[in-house]
Amino acid sequence: MRAPVYDLYQMKADRLPQGAGSAWLRTKPNEPPPATDDWVFVGKERHPSRWTAAEMNEKGSCYREIPSWLTRRGAVQAAQKPQKEVVEKEVVEA
């Protein structure tokens, strides 16, 4: 049996609810969200989780918020990587 395919949207940063780092919406193909100005189309999700598929079957859409404390951690780690690379380059040159 083929897995269902859903359209995946991400909420624009200036429209995020308080405390949310990001928000994601899955809809059935070719059914855009009601407030299209709030969302950016990301692409097609071809292998959704069983929880996503169950919510889609129940509600017709799937909305998920990622808390800001989770997204900040990833940003902090990404910001630290270039610093480590610079230190390693200085050690190699010396």
N, C-alpha and C. Protein backbone atom coordinates (compact mmCIF):
# COMPACT_ATOMS: atom_id res chain seq x y z
N MET A 1 0.84 -1.18 0.00
CA MET A 1 0.00 0.00 0.00
C MET A 1 0.89 1.25 0.00
N ARG A 2 0.57 2.19 -0.84
CA ARG A 2 1.34 3.42 -0.96
C ARG A 2 0.99 4.38 0.19
N ALA A 3 2.02 5.02 0.73
CA ALA A 3 1.82 6.00 1.80
C ALA A 3 1.12 7.24 1.24
N PRO A 4 0.30 7.89 2.05
CA PRO A 4 -0.36 9.11 1.57
C PRO A 4 0.65 10.24 1.38
N VAL A 5 0.28 11.19 0.53
CA VAL A 5 1.11 12.36 0.27
C VAL A 5 0.34 13.59 0.74
N TYR A 6 1.03 14.47 1.49
CA TYR A 6 0.40 15.68 2.01
C TYR A 6 1.21 16.90 1.59
N ASP A 7 0.52 18.05 1.51
CA ASP A 7 1.20 19.32 1.29
C ASP A 7 1.70 19.82 2.65
N LEU A 8 2.92 20.33 2.68
CA LEU A 8 3.53 20.78 3.93
C LEU A 8 3.77 22.29 3.87
N TYR A 9 3.30 23.00 4.90
CA TYR A 9 3.44 24.45 5.00
C TYR A 9 4.14 24.80 6.31
N GLN A 10 4.93 25.89 6.29
CA GLN A 10 5.54 26.42 7.50
C GLN A 10 5.00 27.83 7.73
N MET A 11 4.66 28.13 8.99
CA MET A 11 4.13 29.46 9.31
C MET A 11 5.25 30.49 9.24
N LYS A 12 4.93 31.65 8.69
CA LYS A 12 5.90 32.74 8.60
C LYS A 12 6.31 33.16 10.01
N ALA A 13 7.57 33.53 10.16
CA ALA A 13 8.13 33.85 11.48
C ALA A 13 7.39 34.98 12.17
N ASP A 14 6.94 35.98 11.42
CA ASP A 14 6.26 37.11 12.05
C ASP A 14 4.82 36.79 12.47
N ARG A 15 4.31 35.64 12.10
CA ARG A 15 2.94 35.25 12.45
C ARG A 15 2.89 34.15 13.51
N LEU A 16 4.05 33.74 14.02
CA LEU A 16 4.08 32.63 14.99
C LEU A 16 3.41 33.01 16.31
N PRO A 17 2.71 32.05 16.94
CA PRO A 17 2.15 32.31 18.26
C PRO A 17 3.25 32.52 19.29
N GLN A 18 2.91 33.16 20.40
CA GLN A 18 3.86 33.41 21.48
C GLN A 18 4.45 32.09 21.97
N GLY A 19 5.78 32.02 22.06
CA GLY A 19 6.46 30.84 22.58
C GLY A 19 6.75 29.76 21.55
N ALA A 20 6.28 29.94 20.32
CA ALA A 20 6.52 28.93 19.28
C ALA A 20 7.76 29.31 18.48
N GLY A 21 8.63 28.34 18.26
CA GLY A 21 9.81 28.56 17.43
C GLY A 21 9.51 28.37 15.96
N SER A 22 8.59 27.44 15.68
CA SER A 22 8.11 27.21 14.32
C SER A 22 6.77 26.49 14.41
N ALA A 23 6.02 26.58 13.34
CA ALA A 23 4.72 25.90 13.27
C ALA A 23 4.59 25.28 11.88
N TRP A 24 4.05 24.07 11.85
CA TRP A 24 3.94 23.31 10.60
C TRP A 24 2.51 22.86 10.40
N LEU A 25 2.06 22.90 9.15
CA LEU A 25 0.70 22.48 8.81
C LEU A 25 0.76 21.54 7.62
N ARG A 26 0.09 20.42 7.76
CA ARG A 26 -0.05 19.48 6.65
C ARG A 26 -1.51 19.49 6.22
N THR A 27 -1.72 19.55 4.91
CA THR A 27 -3.07 19.51 4.36
C THR A 27 -3.12 18.45 3.26
N LYS A 28 -4.32 18.14 2.83
CA LYS A 28 -4.46 17.24 1.69
C LYS A 28 -3.96 17.96 0.44
N PRO A 29 -3.48 17.21 -0.54
CA PRO A 29 -2.93 17.85 -1.75
C PRO A 29 -3.91 18.84 -2.39
N ASN A 30 -3.36 19.95 -2.81
CA ASN A 30 -4.11 21.01 -3.51
C ASN A 30 -5.22 21.61 -2.67
N GLU A 31 -5.12 21.54 -1.33
CA GLU A 31 -6.06 22.20 -0.43
C GLU A 31 -5.25 23.15 0.47
N PRO A 32 -5.00 24.37 -0.01
CA PRO A 32 -4.18 25.30 0.78
C PRO A 32 -4.87 25.69 2.09
N PRO A 33 -4.10 26.17 3.06
CA PRO A 33 -4.70 26.59 4.32
C PRO A 33 -5.61 27.80 4.11
N PRO A 34 -6.58 28.01 5.02
CA PRO A 34 -7.51 29.13 4.85
C PRO A 34 -6.81 30.50 4.84
N ALA A 35 -5.83 30.71 5.70
CA ALA A 35 -5.10 31.98 5.75
C ALA A 35 -3.77 31.81 5.03
N THR A 36 -3.79 31.87 3.72
CA THR A 36 -2.59 31.60 2.93
C THR A 36 -1.49 32.63 3.16
N ASP A 37 -1.82 33.83 3.65
CA ASP A 37 -0.79 34.85 3.91
C ASP A 37 0.09 34.48 5.09
N ASP A 38 -0.37 33.58 5.95
CA ASP A 38 0.38 33.19 7.14
C ASP A 38 1.35 32.04 6.88
N TRP A 39 1.23 31.37 5.76
CA TRP A 39 1.96 30.12 5.52
C TRP A 39 2.81 30.19 4.26
N VAL A 40 3.92 29.44 4.28
CA VAL A 40 4.78 29.29 3.12
C VAL A 40 4.78 27.81 2.73
N PHE A 41 4.50 27.53 1.47
CA PHE A 41 4.50 26.14 1.01
C PHE A 41 5.93 25.63 0.98
N VAL A 42 6.18 24.50 1.65
CA VAL A 42 7.52 23.93 1.73
C VAL A 42 7.69 22.83 0.69
N GLY A 43 6.69 21.98 0.54
CA GLY A 43 6.78 20.89 -0.42
C GLY A 43 5.80 19.79 -0.08
N LYS A 44 6.05 18.63 -0.64
CA LYS A 44 5.21 17.46 -0.42
C LYS A 44 5.85 16.56 0.63
N GLU A 45 5.05 16.07 1.54
CA GLU A 45 5.52 15.09 2.51
C GLU A 45 5.06 13.72 2.01
N ARG A 46 6.00 12.90 1.63
CA ARG A 46 5.66 11.62 1.01
C ARG A 46 5.68 10.43 1.96
N HIS A 47 6.30 10.58 3.11
CA HIS A 47 6.38 9.47 4.08
C HIS A 47 6.01 9.98 5.47
N PRO A 48 4.73 10.30 5.68
CA PRO A 48 4.34 10.82 6.99
C PRO A 48 4.37 9.73 8.06
N SER A 49 4.50 10.18 9.31
CA SER A 49 4.46 9.23 10.42
C SER A 49 3.04 8.67 10.57
N ARG A 50 2.92 7.62 11.29
CA ARG A 50 1.59 7.03 11.49
C ARG A 50 0.70 7.96 12.32
N TRP A 51 1.32 8.78 13.20
CA TRP A 51 0.54 9.73 14.00
C TRP A 51 0.02 10.86 13.11
N THR A 52 0.84 11.32 12.18
CA THR A 52 0.40 12.34 11.24
C THR A 52 -0.73 11.81 10.37
N ALA A 53 -0.57 10.60 9.86
CA ALA A 53 -1.60 10.00 9.01
C ALA A 53 -2.91 9.82 9.79
N ALA A 54 -2.82 9.42 11.06
CA ALA A 54 -4.03 9.24 11.87
C ALA A 54 -4.73 10.58 12.09
N GLU A 55 -3.96 11.64 12.38
CA GLU A 55 -4.57 12.96 12.58
C GLU A 55 -5.17 13.48 11.28
N MET A 56 -4.51 13.24 10.17
CA MET A 56 -5.05 13.66 8.87
C MET A 56 -6.37 12.96 8.58
N ASN A 57 -6.44 11.66 8.89
CA ASN A 57 -7.68 10.92 8.66
C ASN A 57 -8.80 11.43 9.56
N GLU A 58 -8.44 11.83 10.78
CA GLU A 58 -9.44 12.28 11.74
C GLU A 58 -9.91 13.71 11.49
N LYS A 59 -8.95 14.63 11.26
CA LYS A 59 -9.27 16.05 11.17
C LYS A 59 -9.19 16.64 9.77
N GLY A 60 -8.49 15.99 8.87
CA GLY A 60 -8.30 16.52 7.53
C GLY A 60 -7.08 17.43 7.40
N SER A 61 -6.43 17.74 8.53
CA SER A 61 -5.19 18.52 8.51
C SER A 61 -4.41 18.15 9.77
N CYS A 62 -3.15 18.57 9.80
CA CYS A 62 -2.28 18.25 10.94
C CYS A 62 -1.45 19.48 11.25
N TYR A 63 -1.62 20.04 12.45
CA TYR A 63 -0.92 21.25 12.87
C TYR A 63 0.03 20.90 14.01
N ARG A 64 1.29 21.34 13.90
CA ARG A 64 2.28 21.09 14.95
C ARG A 64 3.06 22.37 15.23
N GLU A 65 3.23 22.66 16.51
CA GLU A 65 4.09 23.78 16.93
C GLU A 65 5.34 23.21 17.57
N ILE A 66 6.47 23.80 17.24
CA ILE A 66 7.74 23.45 17.87
C ILE A 66 8.06 24.58 18.85
N PRO A 67 8.20 24.28 20.15
CA PRO A 67 8.47 25.34 21.13
C PRO A 67 9.78 26.08 20.83
N SER A 68 9.81 27.34 21.20
CA SER A 68 10.99 28.15 20.91
C SER A 68 12.23 27.63 21.62
N TRP A 69 12.09 27.02 22.80
CA TRP A 69 13.27 26.52 23.51
C TRP A 69 13.92 25.36 22.76
N LEU A 70 13.15 24.66 21.94
CA LEU A 70 13.76 23.60 21.11
C LEU A 70 14.47 24.18 19.90
N THR A 71 13.90 25.19 19.28
CA THR A 71 14.52 25.75 18.08
C THR A 71 15.73 26.59 18.43
N ARG A 72 15.74 27.24 19.60
CA ARG A 72 16.91 28.04 20.00
C ARG A 72 18.12 27.15 20.21
N ARG A 73 17.91 25.96 20.76
CA ARG A 73 19.03 25.05 21.01
C ARG A 73 19.73 24.70 19.71
N GLY A 74 18.97 24.43 18.66
CA GLY A 74 19.57 24.13 17.37
C GLY A 74 20.32 25.31 16.80
N ALA A 75 19.78 26.52 17.00
CA ALA A 75 20.44 27.72 16.51
C ALA A 75 21.74 27.97 17.27
N VAL A 76 21.75 27.69 18.56
CA VAL A 76 22.96 27.87 19.35
C VAL A 76 24.04 26.90 18.89
N GLN A 77 23.68 25.66 18.64
CA GLN A 77 24.65 24.68 18.18
C GLN A 77 25.19 25.06 16.82
N ALA A 78 24.34 25.56 15.94
CA ALA A 78 24.79 25.96 14.60
C ALA A 78 25.72 27.16 14.69
N ALA A 79 25.45 28.06 15.63
CA ALA A 79 26.30 29.24 15.77
C ALA A 79 27.67 28.88 16.36
N GLN A 80 27.75 27.81 17.13
CA GLN A 80 29.01 27.42 17.73
C GLN A 80 29.93 26.69 16.76
N LYS A 81 29.40 26.03 15.78
CA LYS A 81 30.22 25.25 14.86
C LYS A 81 31.27 26.10 14.13
N PRO A 82 30.91 27.25 13.54
CA PRO A 82 31.94 28.03 12.85
C PRO A 82 33.07 28.47 13.79
N GLN A 83 32.76 28.74 15.06
CA GLN A 83 33.79 29.14 16.00
C GLN A 83 34.79 28.00 16.20
N LYS A 84 34.32 26.78 16.31
CA LYS A 84 35.22 25.64 16.48
C LYS A 84 36.11 25.47 15.26
N GLU A 85 35.54 25.66 14.07
CA GLU A 85 36.32 25.51 12.85
C GLU A 85 37.43 26.56 12.78
N VAL A 86 37.14 27.78 13.21
CA VAL A 86 38.14 28.84 13.19
C VAL A 86 39.27 28.49 14.14
N VAL A 87 38.94 27.99 15.32
CA VAL A 87 39.96 27.61 16.30
C VAL A 87 40.83 26.50 15.73
N GLU A 88 40.23 25.52 15.08
CA GLU A 88 41.00 24.41 14.51
C GLU A 88 41.93 24.92 13.41
N LYS A 89 41.49 25.86 12.60
CA LYS A 89 42.32 26.40 11.53
C LYS A 89 43.52 27.14 12.09
N GLU A 90 43.29 27.89 13.19
CA GLU A 90 44.38 28.62 13.82
C GLU A 90 45.42 27.66 14.37
N VAL A 91 44.98 26.56 14.94
CA VAL A 91 45.91 25.58 15.50
C VAL A 91 46.73 24.95 14.38
N VAL A 92 46.11 24.67 13.26
CA VAL A 92 46.82 24.06 12.13
C VAL A 92 47.86 25.01 11.56
N GLU A 93 47.53 26.30 11.49
CA GLU A 93 48.44 27.29 10.92
C GLU A 93 49.64 27.56 11.85
N ALA A 94 49.47 27.43 13.14
CA ALA A 94 50.53 27.77 14.11
C ALA A 94 51.55 26.70 14.17
